[in-house]
PDB file of N, CA and C in Angstrom:
ATOM      1  N   UNK A   1     115.139  21.717  53.278  1.00  0.00           N
ATOM      2  CA  UNK A   1     114.480  22.546  52.089  1.00  0.00           C
ATOM      3  C   UNK A   1     114.118  23.623  52.123  1.00  0.00           C
ATOM      4  N   UNK A   2     113.832  24.494  51.479  1.00  0.00           N
ATOM      5  CA  UNK A   2     112.665  25.356  51.660  1.00  0.00           C
ATOM      6  C   UNK A   2     111.828  25.849  50.684  1.00  0.00           C
ATOM      7  N   UNK A   3     110.537  25.626  51.359  1.00  0.00           N
ATOM      8  CA  UNK A   3     109.225  25.377  50.735  1.00  0.00           C
ATOM      9  C   UNK A   3     108.529  26.540  50.347  1.00  0.00           C
ATOM     10  N   UNK A   4     107.978  27.397  49.099  1.00  0.00           N
ATOM     11  CA  UNK A   4     107.567  28.065  49.055  1.00  0.00           C
ATOM     12  C   UNK A   4     105.896  28.346  48.865  1.00  0.00           C
ATOM     13  N   UNK A   5     105.421  29.174  50.048  1.00  0.00           N
ATOM     14  CA  UNK A   5     104.184  28.779  50.766  1.00  0.00           C
ATOM     15  C   UNK A   5     103.348  28.767  49.788  1.00  0.00           C
ATOM     16  N   UNK A   6     103.266  28.964  48.859  1.00  0.00           N
ATOM     17  CA  UNK A   6     102.671  29.187  47.417  1.00  0.00           C
ATOM     18  C   UNK A   6     102.144  28.270  46.784  1.00  0.00           C
ATOM     19  N   UNK A   7     103.310  27.578  46.771  1.00  0.00           N
ATOM     20  CA  UNK A   7     103.026  25.528  46.386  1.00  0.00           C
ATOM     21  C   UNK A   7     102.404  25.623  46.982  1.00  0.00           C
ATOM     22  N   UNK A   8     102.468  25.425  48.558  1.00  0.00           N
ATOM     23  CA  UNK A   8     101.422  24.153  49.361  1.00  0.00           C
ATOM     24  C   UNK A   8      99.893  24.971  50.103  1.00  0.00           C
ATOM     25  N   UNK A   9      99.533  26.491  49.363  1.00  0.00           N
ATOM     26  CA  UNK A   9      98.388  27.125  50.184  1.00  0.00           C
ATOM     27  C   UNK A   9      97.870  28.378  49.181  1.00  0.00           C
ATOM     28  N   UNK A  10      97.269  28.634  49.249  1.00  0.00           N
ATOM     29  CA  UNK A  10      96.494  30.135  48.551  1.00  0.00           C
ATOM     30  C   UNK A  10      95.813  30.888  49.930  1.00  0.00           C
ATOM     31  N   UNK A  11      95.855  31.812  50.022  1.00  0.00           N
ATOM     32  CA  UNK A  11      95.500  32.704  51.356  1.00  0.00           C
ATOM     33  C   UNK A  11      94.653  34.287  50.788  1.00  0.00           C
ATOM     34  N   UNK A  12      93.121  34.491  51.586  1.00  0.00           N
ATOM     35  CA  UNK A  12      93.056  35.549  51.676  1.00  0.00           C
ATOM     36  C   UNK A  12      93.402  36.477  52.454  1.00  0.00           C
ATOM     37  N   UNK A  13      92.389  37.600  52.237  1.00  0.00           N
ATOM     38  CA  UNK A  13      92.711  38.647  53.336  1.00  0.00           C
ATOM     39  C   UNK A  13      92.045  39.486  53.665  1.00  0.00           C
ATOM     40  N   UNK A  14      91.569  40.630  54.729  1.00  0.00           N
ATOM     41  CA  UNK A  14      90.955  41.528  54.524  1.00  0.00           C
ATOM     42  C   UNK A  14      91.024  42.352  55.578  1.00  0.00           C
ATOM     43  N   UNK A  15      89.614  43.872  56.275  1.00  0.00           N
ATOM     44  CA  UNK A  15      90.259  44.509  57.055  1.00  0.00           C
ATOM     45  C   UNK A  15      89.011  44.708  58.296  1.00  0.00           C
ATOM     46  N   UNK A  16      89.466  44.783  59.670  1.00  0.00           N
ATOM     47  CA  UNK A  16      88.398  45.471  60.116  1.00  0.00           C
ATOM     48  C   UNK A  16      89.307  46.301  60.588  1.00  0.00           C
ATOM     49  N   UNK A  17      88.931  47.764  60.668  1.00  0.00           N
ATOM     50  CA  UNK A  17      89.164  49.110  61.581  1.00  0.00           C
ATOM     51  C   UNK A  17      91.362  48.842  61.580  1.00  0.00           C
ATOM     52  N   UNK A  18      91.832  48.432  61.973  1.00  0.00           N
ATOM     53  CA  UNK A  18      93.465  48.996  61.580  1.00  0.00           C
ATOM     54  C   UNK A  18      93.553  47.545  61.537  1.00  0.00           C
ATOM     55  N   UNK A  19      92.986  46.320  61.352  1.00  0.00           N
ATOM     56  CA  UNK A  19      92.972  45.077  61.580  1.00  0.00           C
ATOM     57  C   UNK A  19      93.065  44.666  60.708  1.00  0.00           C
ATOM     58  N   UNK A  20      93.813  43.673  60.586  1.00  0.00           N
ATOM     59  CA  UNK A  20      93.651  43.131  58.459  1.00  0.00           C
ATOM     60  C   UNK A  20      93.392  41.176  59.258  1.00  0.00           C
ATOM     61  N   UNK A  21      92.672  40.661  58.123  1.00  0.00           N
ATOM     62  CA  UNK A  21      92.568  38.912  58.323  1.00  0.00           C
ATOM     63  C   UNK A  21      93.324  38.117  57.407  1.00  0.00           C
ATOM     64  N   UNK A  22      94.162  37.517  57.891  1.00  0.00           N
ATOM     65  CA  UNK A  22      94.849  36.749  56.725  1.00  0.00           C
ATOM     66  C   UNK A  22      94.607  35.099  56.369  1.00  0.00           C
ATOM     67  N   UNK A  23      93.331  34.632  55.809  1.00  0.00           N
ATOM     68  CA  UNK A  23      93.166  32.979  55.396  1.00  0.00           C
ATOM     69  C   UNK A  23      94.416  32.314  54.758  1.00  0.00           C
ATOM     70  N   UNK A  24      94.778  31.321  55.623  1.00  0.00           N
ATOM     71  CA  UNK A  24      95.881  30.718  54.515  1.00  0.00           C
ATOM     72  C   UNK A  24      95.213  29.042  54.252  1.00  0.00           C
ATOM     73  N   UNK A  25      95.073  28.416  53.144  1.00  0.00           N
ATOM     74  CA  UNK A  25      94.206  27.673  53.616  1.00  0.00           C
ATOM     75  C   UNK A  25      95.375  25.849  52.074  1.00  0.00           C
ATOM     76  N   UNK A  26      95.692  25.586  52.824  1.00  0.00           N
ATOM     77  CA  UNK A  26      96.563  24.381  52.237  1.00  0.00           C
ATOM     78  C   UNK A  26      95.908  23.698  50.816  1.00  0.00           C
ATOM     79  N   UNK A  27      96.403  23.586  50.388  1.00  0.00           N
ATOM     80  CA  UNK A  27      95.769  23.071  48.308  1.00  0.00           C
ATOM     81  C   UNK A  27      95.597  22.045  48.850  1.00  0.00           C
ATOM     82  N   UNK A  28      96.192  21.037  49.439  1.00  0.00           N
ATOM     83  CA  UNK A  28      95.629  19.257  49.897  1.00  0.00           C
ATOM     84  C   UNK A  28      96.281  19.387  51.461  1.00  0.00           C
ATOM     85  N   UNK A  29      94.918  18.598  52.146  1.00  0.00           N
ATOM     86  CA  UNK A  29      94.288  18.026  52.757  1.00  0.00           C
ATOM     87  C   UNK A  29      95.783  17.099  53.561  1.00  0.00           C
ATOM     88  N   UNK A  30      97.018  16.644  53.584  1.00  0.00           N
ATOM     89  CA  UNK A  30      98.049  16.086  53.745  1.00  0.00           C
ATOM     90  C   UNK A  30      98.524  17.591  53.873  1.00  0.00           C
ATOM     91  N   UNK A  31      98.898  18.752  53.594  1.00  0.00           N
ATOM     92  CA  UNK A  31      99.945  20.265  53.245  1.00  0.00           C
ATOM     93  C   UNK A  31      99.103  20.854  54.566  1.00  0.00           C
ATOM     94  N   UNK A  32      98.358  20.240  55.609  1.00  0.00           N
ATOM     95  CA  UNK A  32      97.470  21.560  56.565  1.00  0.00           C
ATOM     96  C   UNK A  32      98.643  21.486  57.792  1.00  0.00           C
ATOM     97  N   UNK A  33      99.596  19.645  57.772  1.00  0.00           N
ATOM     98  CA  UNK A  33      99.468  19.610  59.024  1.00  0.00           C
ATOM     99  C   UNK A  33     101.234  20.547  58.761  1.00  0.00           C
ATOM    100  N   UNK A  34     101.765  20.710  57.716  1.00  0.00           N
ATOM    101  CA  UNK A  34     102.650  21.149  57.506  1.00  0.00           C
ATOM    102  C   UNK A  34     102.809  22.871  57.836  1.00  0.00           C
ATOM    103  N   UNK A  35     101.604  23.120  57.379  1.00  0.00           N
ATOM    104  CA  UNK A  35     101.095  25.239  57.669  1.00  0.00           C
ATOM    105  C   UNK A  35     100.939  25.239  59.110  1.00  0.00           C
ATOM    106  N   UNK A  36      99.576  23.870  60.033  1.00  0.00           N
ATOM    107  CA  UNK A  36     100.116  24.006  61.575  1.00  0.00           C
ATOM    108  C   UNK A  36     101.557  24.299  62.914  1.00  0.00           C
ATOM    109  N   UNK A  37     102.771  23.634  61.654  1.00  0.00           N
ATOM    110  CA  UNK A  37     103.617  23.465  61.928  1.00  0.00           C
ATOM    111  C   UNK A  37     104.813  24.292  61.718  1.00  0.00           C
ATOM    112  N   UNK A  38     104.934  25.317  61.252  1.00  0.00           N
ATOM    113  CA  UNK A  38     105.968  25.722  59.798  1.00  0.00           C
ATOM    114  C   UNK A  38     104.888  27.805  60.272  1.00  0.00           C
ATOM    115  N   UNK A  39     103.412  27.453  59.935  1.00  0.00           N
ATOM    116  CA  UNK A  39     103.524  28.447  60.081  1.00  0.00           C
ATOM    117  C   UNK A  39     102.663  29.069  60.877  1.00  0.00           C
ATOM    118  N   UNK A  40     104.182  29.628  62.107  1.00  0.00           N
ATOM    119  CA  UNK A  40     103.937  29.503  63.639  1.00  0.00           C
ATOM    120  C   UNK A  40     103.681  31.490  63.481  1.00  0.00           C
ATOM    121  N   UNK A  41     102.813  31.871  65.136  1.00  0.00           N
ATOM    122  CA  UNK A  41     102.583  33.215  64.913  1.00  0.00           C
ATOM    123  C   UNK A  41     104.222  34.005  65.447  1.00  0.00           C
ATOM    124  N   UNK A  42     105.159  33.842  65.026  1.00  0.00           N
ATOM    125  CA  UNK A  42     106.562  34.098  65.123  1.00  0.00           C
ATOM    126  C   UNK A  42     106.869  34.119  63.996  1.00  0.00           C
ATOM    127  N   UNK A  43     106.656  33.130  63.471  1.00  0.00           N
ATOM    128  CA  UNK A  43     107.348  33.364  61.856  1.00  0.00           C
ATOM    129  C   UNK A  43     106.366  34.844  60.668  1.00  0.00           C
ATOM    130  N   UNK A  44     105.342  34.277  61.478  1.00  0.00           N
ATOM    131  CA  UNK A  44     104.193  35.725  60.713  1.00  0.00           C
ATOM    132  C   UNK A  44     104.567  37.011  60.597  1.00  0.00           C
ATOM    133  N   UNK A  45     104.980  37.249  62.726  1.00  0.00           N
ATOM    134  CA  UNK A  45     104.718  37.969  62.890  1.00  0.00           C
ATOM    135  C   UNK A  45     106.820  38.336  61.832  1.00  0.00           C
ATOM    136  N   UNK A  46     107.577  37.755  61.762  1.00  0.00           N
ATOM    137  CA  UNK A  46     108.653  38.432  61.291  1.00  0.00           C
ATOM    138  C   UNK A  46     108.749  38.441  60.466  1.00  0.00           C
ATOM    139  N   UNK A  47     107.625  37.825  59.180  1.00  0.00           N
ATOM    140  CA  UNK A  47     107.643  38.336  58.211  1.00  0.00           C
ATOM    141  C   UNK A  47     106.932  39.773  58.004  1.00  0.00           C
ATOM    142  N   UNK A  48     106.295  40.218  58.617  1.00  0.00           N
ATOM    143  CA  UNK A  48     105.405  40.974  58.139  1.00  0.00           C
ATOM    144  C   UNK A  48     105.515  42.922  59.801  1.00  0.00           C
ATOM    145  N   UNK A  49     106.785  42.045  60.162  1.00  0.00           N
ATOM    146  CA  UNK A  49     107.852  43.047  61.473  1.00  0.00           C
ATOM    147  C   UNK A  49     108.288  44.288  60.241  1.00  0.00           C
ATOM    148  N   UNK A  50     108.255  44.977  59.473  1.00  0.00           N
ATOM    149  CA  UNK A  50     108.148  45.711  58.964  1.00  0.00           C
ATOM    150  C   UNK A  50     106.446  46.633  58.812  1.00  0.00           C
ATOM    151  N   UNK A  51     105.300  46.045  58.489  1.00  0.00           N
ATOM    152  CA  UNK A  51     104.473  46.132  58.095  1.00  0.00           C
ATOM    153  C   UNK A  51     103.124  46.584  59.339  1.00  0.00           C
ATOM    154  N   UNK A  52     103.440  46.302  60.567  1.00  0.00           N
ATOM    155  CA  UNK A  52     102.639  45.335  61.355  1.00  0.00           C
ATOM    156  C   UNK A  52     103.264  46.276  62.947  1.00  0.00           C
ATOM    157  N   UNK A  53     101.875  46.726  63.529  1.00  0.00           N
ATOM    158  CA  UNK A  53     102.347  47.457  64.450  1.00  0.00           C
ATOM    159  C   UNK A  53     101.809  46.599  66.136  1.00  0.00           C
ATOM    160  N   UNK A  54     101.234  45.828  65.733  1.00  0.00           N
ATOM    161  CA  UNK A  54     100.460  44.951  67.055  1.00  0.00           C
ATOM    162  C   UNK A  54     100.973  43.549  66.882  1.00  0.00           C
ATOM    163  N   UNK A  55     100.399  42.772  67.552  1.00  0.00           N
ATOM    164  CA  UNK A  55     100.504  41.578  67.641  1.00  0.00           C
ATOM    165  C   UNK A  55     100.241  40.685  66.733  1.00  0.00           C
ATOM    166  N   UNK A  56      99.910  39.792  66.573  1.00  0.00           N
ATOM    167  CA  UNK A  56      99.657  38.784  65.364  1.00  0.00           C
ATOM    168  C   UNK A  56      99.500  37.695  66.330  1.00  0.00           C
ATOM    169  N   UNK A  57      98.006  36.899  65.715  1.00  0.00           N
ATOM    170  CA  UNK A  57      97.380  35.590  66.346  1.00  0.00           C
ATOM    171  C   UNK A  57      97.091  34.874  65.428  1.00  0.00           C
ATOM    172  N   UNK A  58      96.873  33.590  65.860  1.00  0.00           N
ATOM    173  CA  UNK A  58      96.431  32.362  65.321  1.00  0.00           C
ATOM    174  C   UNK A  58      95.273  31.704  64.599  1.00  0.00           C
ATOM    175  N   UNK A  59      94.595  31.207  64.180  1.00  0.00           N
ATOM    176  CA  UNK A  59      93.296  30.385  65.018  1.00  0.00           C
ATOM    177  C   UNK A  59      92.896  29.395  63.965  1.00  0.00           C
ATOM    178  N   UNK A  60      93.167  28.306  64.226  1.00  0.00           N
ATOM    179  CA  UNK A  60      93.066  26.923  63.739  1.00  0.00           C
ATOM    180  C   UNK A  60      91.920  26.649  63.369  1.00  0.00           C
ATOM    181  N   UNK A  61      91.904  26.040  62.127  1.00  0.00           N
ATOM    182  CA  UNK A  61      90.383  25.558  61.445  1.00  0.00           C
ATOM    183  C   UNK A  61      90.518  24.143  61.014  1.00  0.00           C
ATOM    184  N   UNK A  62      90.969  23.435  61.377  1.00  0.00           N
ATOM    185  CA  UNK A  62      91.788  22.079  60.289  1.00  0.00           C
ATOM    186  C   UNK A  62      90.755  21.246  59.653  1.00  0.00           C
ATOM    187  N   UNK A  63      89.286  21.702  59.895  1.00  0.00           N
ATOM    188  CA  UNK A  63      88.083  20.752  58.778  1.00  0.00           C
ATOM    189  C   UNK A  63      88.264  21.485  57.678  1.00  0.00           C
ATOM    190  N   UNK A  64      88.474  22.625  57.834  1.00  0.00           N
ATOM    191  CA  UNK A  64      88.994  23.431  56.148  1.00  0.00           C
ATOM    192  C   UNK A  64      90.933  23.723  55.182  1.00  0.00           C
ATOM    193  N   UNK A  65      91.383  22.692  56.285  1.00  0.00           N
ATOM    194  CA  UNK A  65      92.844  22.985  55.913  1.00  0.00           C
ATOM    195  C   UNK A  65      93.105  24.336  56.458  1.00  0.00           C
ATOM    196  N   UNK A  66      92.712  25.472  56.841  1.00  0.00           N
ATOM    197  CA  UNK A  66      92.836  26.422  57.351  1.00  0.00           C
ATOM    198  C   UNK A  66      93.933  27.025  58.425  1.00  0.00           C
ATOM    199  N   UNK A  67      94.633  27.958  58.145  1.00  0.00           N
ATOM    200  CA  UNK A  67      94.813  28.696  59.203  1.00  0.00           C
ATOM    201  C   UNK A  67      94.408  30.276  59.276  1.00  0.00           C
ATOM    202  N   UNK A  68      93.761  31.285  59.967  1.00  0.00           N
ATOM    203  CA  UNK A  68      93.001  32.359  60.108  1.00  0.00           C
ATOM    204  C   UNK A  68      94.279  33.079  60.774  1.00  0.00           C
ATOM    205  N   UNK A  69      95.026  34.061  60.832  1.00  0.00           N
ATOM    206  CA  UNK A  69      96.105  35.239  61.435  1.00  0.00           C
ATOM    207  C   UNK A  69      95.222  36.505  61.515  1.00  0.00           C
ATOM    208  N   UNK A  70      95.176  37.065  62.395  1.00  0.00           N
ATOM    209  CA  UNK A  70      94.351  38.694  62.383  1.00  0.00           C
ATOM    210  C   UNK A  70      95.842  39.099  63.175  1.00  0.00           C
ATOM    211  N   UNK A  71      96.518  40.196  61.897  1.00  0.00           N
ATOM    212  CA  UNK A  71      97.553  40.971  62.236  1.00  0.00           C
ATOM    213  C   UNK A  71      96.187  41.897  62.568  1.00  0.00           C
ATOM    214  N   UNK A  72      97.307  42.726  64.274  1.00  0.00           N
ATOM    215  CA  UNK A  72      97.255  43.347  65.162  1.00  0.00           C
ATOM    216  C   UNK A  72      98.017  45.107  64.033  1.00  0.00           C
ATOM    217  N   UNK A  73      97.303  45.719  64.495  1.00  0.00           N
ATOM    218  CA  UNK A  73      98.183  47.352  63.548  1.00  0.00           C
ATOM    219  C   UNK A  73      98.923  47.210  62.254  1.00  0.00           C
ATOM    220  N   UNK A  74      98.165  46.675  61.533  1.00  0.00           N
ATOM    221  CA  UNK A  74      98.401  46.656  59.908  1.00  0.00           C
ATOM    222  C   UNK A  74      97.767  47.911  59.159  1.00  0.00           C
ATOM    223  N   UNK A  75      97.370  47.970  59.461  1.00  0.00           N
ATOM    224  CA  UNK A  75      96.924  49.288  58.589  1.00  0.00           C
ATOM    225  C   UNK A  75      96.433  51.156  58.808  1.00  0.00           C
ATOM    226  N   UNK A  76      97.242  51.417  59.621  1.00  0.00           N
ATOM    227  CA  UNK A  76      97.576  52.746  59.731  1.00  0.00           C
ATOM    228  C   UNK A  76      96.229  53.740  60.361  1.00  0.00           C
ATOM    229  N   UNK A  77      95.485  52.862  61.007  1.00  0.00           N
ATOM    230  CA  UNK A  77      94.200  53.182  62.146  1.00  0.00           C
ATOM    231  C   UNK A  77      92.970  53.315  60.811  1.00  0.00           C
ATOM    232  N   UNK A  78      93.120  52.664  59.279  1.00  0.00           N
ATOM    233  CA  UNK A  78      92.005  51.648  58.999  1.00  0.00           C
ATOM    234  C   UNK A  78      91.624  52.589  57.639  1.00  0.00           C
ATOM    235  N   UNK A  79      90.888  51.294  56.938  1.00  0.00           N
ATOM    236  CA  UNK A  79      90.806  52.551  55.432  1.00  0.00           C
ATOM    237  C   UNK A  79      90.577  54.325  55.574  1.00  0.00           C
ATOM    238  N   UNK A  80      89.418  54.121  56.470  1.00  0.00           N
ATOM    239  CA  UNK A  80      89.750  55.836  56.642  1.00  0.00           C
ATOM    240  C   UNK A  80      89.933  56.552  56.762  1.00  0.00           C
ATOM    241  N   UNK A  81      91.005  56.350  57.119  1.00  0.00           N
ATOM    242  CA  UNK A  81      92.234  56.765  58.203  1.00  0.00           C
ATOM    243  C   UNK A  81      93.762  57.100  57.407  1.00  0.00           C
ATOM    244  N   UNK A  82      94.022  55.852  56.905  1.00  0.00           N
ATOM    245  CA  UNK A  82      95.508  55.727  56.594  1.00  0.00           C
ATOM    246  C   UNK A  82      95.665  56.036  55.037  1.00  0.00           C
ATOM    247  N   UNK A  83      96.526  56.290  55.234  1.00  0.00           N
ATOM    248  CA  UNK A  83      97.440  57.036  53.948  1.00  0.00           C
ATOM    249  C   UNK A  83      98.283  55.547  53.150  1.00  0.00           C
ATOM    250  N   UNK A  84      97.840  54.659  53.055  1.00  0.00           N
ATOM    251  CA  UNK A  84      98.910  53.519  52.740  1.00  0.00           C
ATOM    252  C   UNK A  84      97.836  53.411  51.557  1.00  0.00           C
ATOM    253  N   UNK A  85      98.392  52.689  50.595  1.00  0.00           N
ATOM    254  CA  UNK A  85      98.288  52.677  48.903  1.00  0.00           C
ATOM    255  C   UNK A  85      96.767  51.493  49.091  1.00  0.00           C
ATOM    256  N   UNK A  86      97.351  50.192  50.333  1.00  0.00           N
ATOM    257  CA  UNK A  86      96.517  49.488  50.820  1.00  0.00           C
ATOM    258  C   UNK A  86      95.935  48.981  51.630  1.00  0.00           C
ATOM    259  N   UNK A  87      95.217  50.580  52.336  1.00  0.00           N
ATOM    260  CA  UNK A  87      94.663  50.587  53.453  1.00  0.00           C
ATOM    261  C   UNK A  87      93.367  48.950  53.983  1.00  0.00           C
ATOM    262  N   UNK A  88      92.600  48.678  52.836  1.00  0.00           N
ATOM    263  CA  UNK A  88      92.400  47.231  53.423  1.00  0.00           C
ATOM    264  C   UNK A  88      93.140  46.028  53.819  1.00  0.00           C
ATOM    265  N   UNK A  89      93.837  46.428  53.228  1.00  0.00           N
ATOM    266  CA  UNK A  89      94.841  44.814  53.743  1.00  0.00           C
ATOM    267  C   UNK A  89      94.652  43.919  52.035  1.00  0.00           C
ATOM    268  N   UNK A  90      93.721  44.166  51.542  1.00  0.00           N
ATOM    269  CA  UNK A  90      94.356  43.570  50.133  1.00  0.00           C
ATOM    270  C   UNK A  90      95.602  42.469  49.565  1.00  0.00           C
ATOM    271  N   UNK A  91      96.381  43.150  49.890  1.00  0.00           N
ATOM    272  CA  UNK A  91      97.530  42.105  48.770  1.00  0.00           C
ATOM    273  C   UNK A  91      98.287  41.286  50.289  1.00  0.00           C
ATOM    274  N   UNK A  92      97.738  41.312  51.997  1.00  0.00           N
ATOM    275  CA  UNK A  92      98.332  41.197  52.709  1.00  0.00           C
ATOM    276  C   UNK A  92      98.517  39.111  52.075  1.00  0.00           C
ATOM    277  N   UNK A  93      97.629  38.871  51.457  1.00  0.00           N
ATOM    278  CA  UNK A  93      98.016  37.493  51.591  1.00  0.00           C
ATOM    279  C   UNK A  93      98.901  37.366  50.807  1.00  0.00           C
ATOM    280  N   UNK A  94      98.826  37.931  49.236  1.00  0.00           N
ATOM    281  CA  UNK A  94     100.132  38.012  48.602  1.00  0.00           C
ATOM    282  C   UNK A  94     101.092  37.947  49.284  1.00  0.00           C
ATOM    283  N   UNK A  95     101.512  39.106  49.695  1.00  0.00           N
ATOM    284  CA  UNK A  95     102.726  39.235  50.846  1.00  0.00           C
ATOM    285  C   UNK A  95     102.525  37.474  51.458  1.00  0.00           C
ATOM    286  N   UNK A  96     101.854  37.961  52.096  1.00  0.00           N
ATOM    287  CA  UNK A  96     102.395  36.044  52.683  1.00  0.00           C
ATOM    288  C   UNK A  96     102.780  34.463  52.542  1.00  0.00           C
ATOM    289  N   UNK A  97     101.844  35.189  50.684  1.00  0.00           N
ATOM    290  CA  UNK A  97     102.288  33.807  50.191  1.00  0.00           C
ATOM    291  C   UNK A  97     103.357  33.850  49.361  1.00  0.00           C
ATOM    292  N   UNK A  98     103.969  34.585  49.849  1.00  0.00           N
ATOM    293  CA  UNK A  98     105.621  34.883  49.071  1.00  0.00           C
ATOM    294  C   UNK A  98     106.860  34.576  50.124  1.00  0.00           C
ATOM    295  N   UNK A  99     105.867  34.031  50.999  1.00  0.00           N
ATOM    296  CA  UNK A  99     106.618  33.264  52.950  1.00  0.00           C
ATOM    297  C   UNK A  99     107.528  32.547  52.282  1.00  0.00           C
ATOM    298  N   UNK A 100     108.812  31.679  52.762  1.00  0.00           N
ATOM    299  CA  UNK A 100     109.002  30.527  52.536  1.00  0.00           C
ATOM    300  C   UNK A 100     109.278  30.084  53.841  1.00  0.00           C
ATOM    301  N   UNK A 101     109.190  28.238  53.451  1.00  0.00           N
ATOM    302  CA  UNK A 101     108.894  27.719  54.750  1.00  0.00           C
ATOM    303  C   UNK A 101     110.598  26.857  54.943  1.00  0.00           C
ATOM    304  N   UNK A 102     111.598  27.027  56.542  1.00  0.00           N
ATOM    305  CA  UNK A 102     112.215  26.359  56.330  1.00  0.00           C
ATOM    306  C   UNK A 102     111.268  25.148  56.420  1.00  0.00           C
ATOM    307  N   UNK A 103     111.467  23.322  55.779  1.00  0.00           N
ATOM    308  CA  UNK A 103     111.079  21.993  56.427  1.00  0.00           C
ATOM    309  C   UNK A 103     112.656  21.584  55.786  1.00  0.00           C
ATOM    310  N   UNK A 104     112.197  20.596  56.505  1.00  0.00           N
ATOM    311  CA  UNK A 104     113.124  18.962  55.626  1.00  0.00           C
ATOM    312  C   UNK A 104     113.142  18.587  55.473  1.00  0.00           C
ATOM    313  N   UNK A 105     114.378  17.384  54.927  1.00  0.00           N
ATOM    314  CA  UNK A 105     114.264  17.244  53.316  1.00  0.00           C
ATOM    315  C   UNK A 105     113.197  15.712  53.529  1.00  0.00           C
ATOM    316  N   UNK A 106     113.531  15.348  54.520  1.00  0.00           N
ATOM    317  CA  UNK A 106     112.681  14.243  55.308  1.00  0.00           C
ATOM    318  C   UNK A 106     110.990  14.828  54.902  1.00  0.00           C
ATOM    319  N   UNK A 107     110.950  15.499  55.385  1.00  0.00           N
ATOM    320  CA  UNK A 107     109.065  15.561  55.180  1.00  0.00           C
ATOM    321  C   UNK A 107     108.572  16.317  53.957  1.00  0.00           C
ATOM    322  N   UNK A 108     109.682  17.143  53.367  1.00  0.00           N
ATOM    323  CA  UNK A 108     109.233  17.311  51.840  1.00  0.00           C
ATOM    324  C   UNK A 108     109.005  16.446  51.250  1.00  0.00           C
ATOM    325  N   UNK A 109     110.042  15.300  51.117  1.00  0.00           N
ATOM    326  CA  UNK A 109     109.708  14.232  50.229  1.00  0.00           C
ATOM    327  C   UNK A 109     108.591  13.184  50.432  1.00  0.00           C
ATOM    328  N   UNK A 110     108.757  13.299  51.706  1.00  0.00           N
ATOM    329  CA  UNK A 110     107.043  12.573  52.776  1.00  0.00           C
ATOM    330  C   UNK A 110     105.857  12.987  51.934  1.00  0.00           C
ATOM    331  N   UNK A 111     105.748  14.520  51.308  1.00  0.00           N
ATOM    332  CA  UNK A 111     104.720  15.024  51.405  1.00  0.00           C
ATOM    333  C   UNK A 111     104.562  15.807  49.884  1.00  0.00           C
ATOM    334  N   UNK A 112     105.752  14.832  48.931  1.00  0.00           N
ATOM    335  CA  UNK A 112     105.762  14.818  47.619  1.00  0.00           C
ATOM    336  C   UNK A 112     106.213  16.892  46.843  1.00  0.00           C
ATOM    337  N   UNK A 113     107.126  17.397  47.785  1.00  0.00           N
ATOM    338  CA  UNK A 113     107.354  18.732  47.611  1.00  0.00           C
ATOM    339  C   UNK A 113     109.010  19.145  47.545  1.00  0.00           C
ATOM    340  N   UNK A 114     109.091  20.118  46.637  1.00  0.00           N
ATOM    341  CA  UNK A 114     110.597  20.358  46.262  1.00  0.00           C
ATOM    342  C   UNK A 114     110.565  21.480  46.230  1.00  0.00           C
ATOM    343  N   UNK A 115     111.982  21.926  46.201  1.00  0.00           N
ATOM    344  CA  UNK A 115     112.867  23.022  46.839  1.00  0.00           C
ATOM    345  C   UNK A 115     112.614  24.022  45.996  1.00  0.00           C
ATOM    346  N   UNK A 116     112.349  25.568  47.093  1.00  0.00           N
ATOM    347  CA  UNK A 116     111.559  27.071  45.703  1.00  0.00           C
ATOM    348  C   UNK A 116     112.861  27.315  45.137  1.00  0.00           C
TER     349      UNK A 116
END
């Protein structure tokens, strides 16, 4: 079953130089494990493959029900150098929330989720 990330989490993003960070926070404590399992470095890197030129790092913050991703090479040199419309990466959180997660029907039902 496909689950929209925006249905189980919210997100914030920002920048530092040519790197953007996106924090993803589960809307419910029981949904954090879902994020932890399905929102991998590889999945995020694939989702942003057309936008970033460097690696993705993931940091886990279970006490906040959150994951923080650092996207290297995301801003074409940063806010003062880039010709990108969003040179600070403020909309990257919204872009990530458009992602869908492949979740088993059993797992989705157990968490009270429905398909995207």
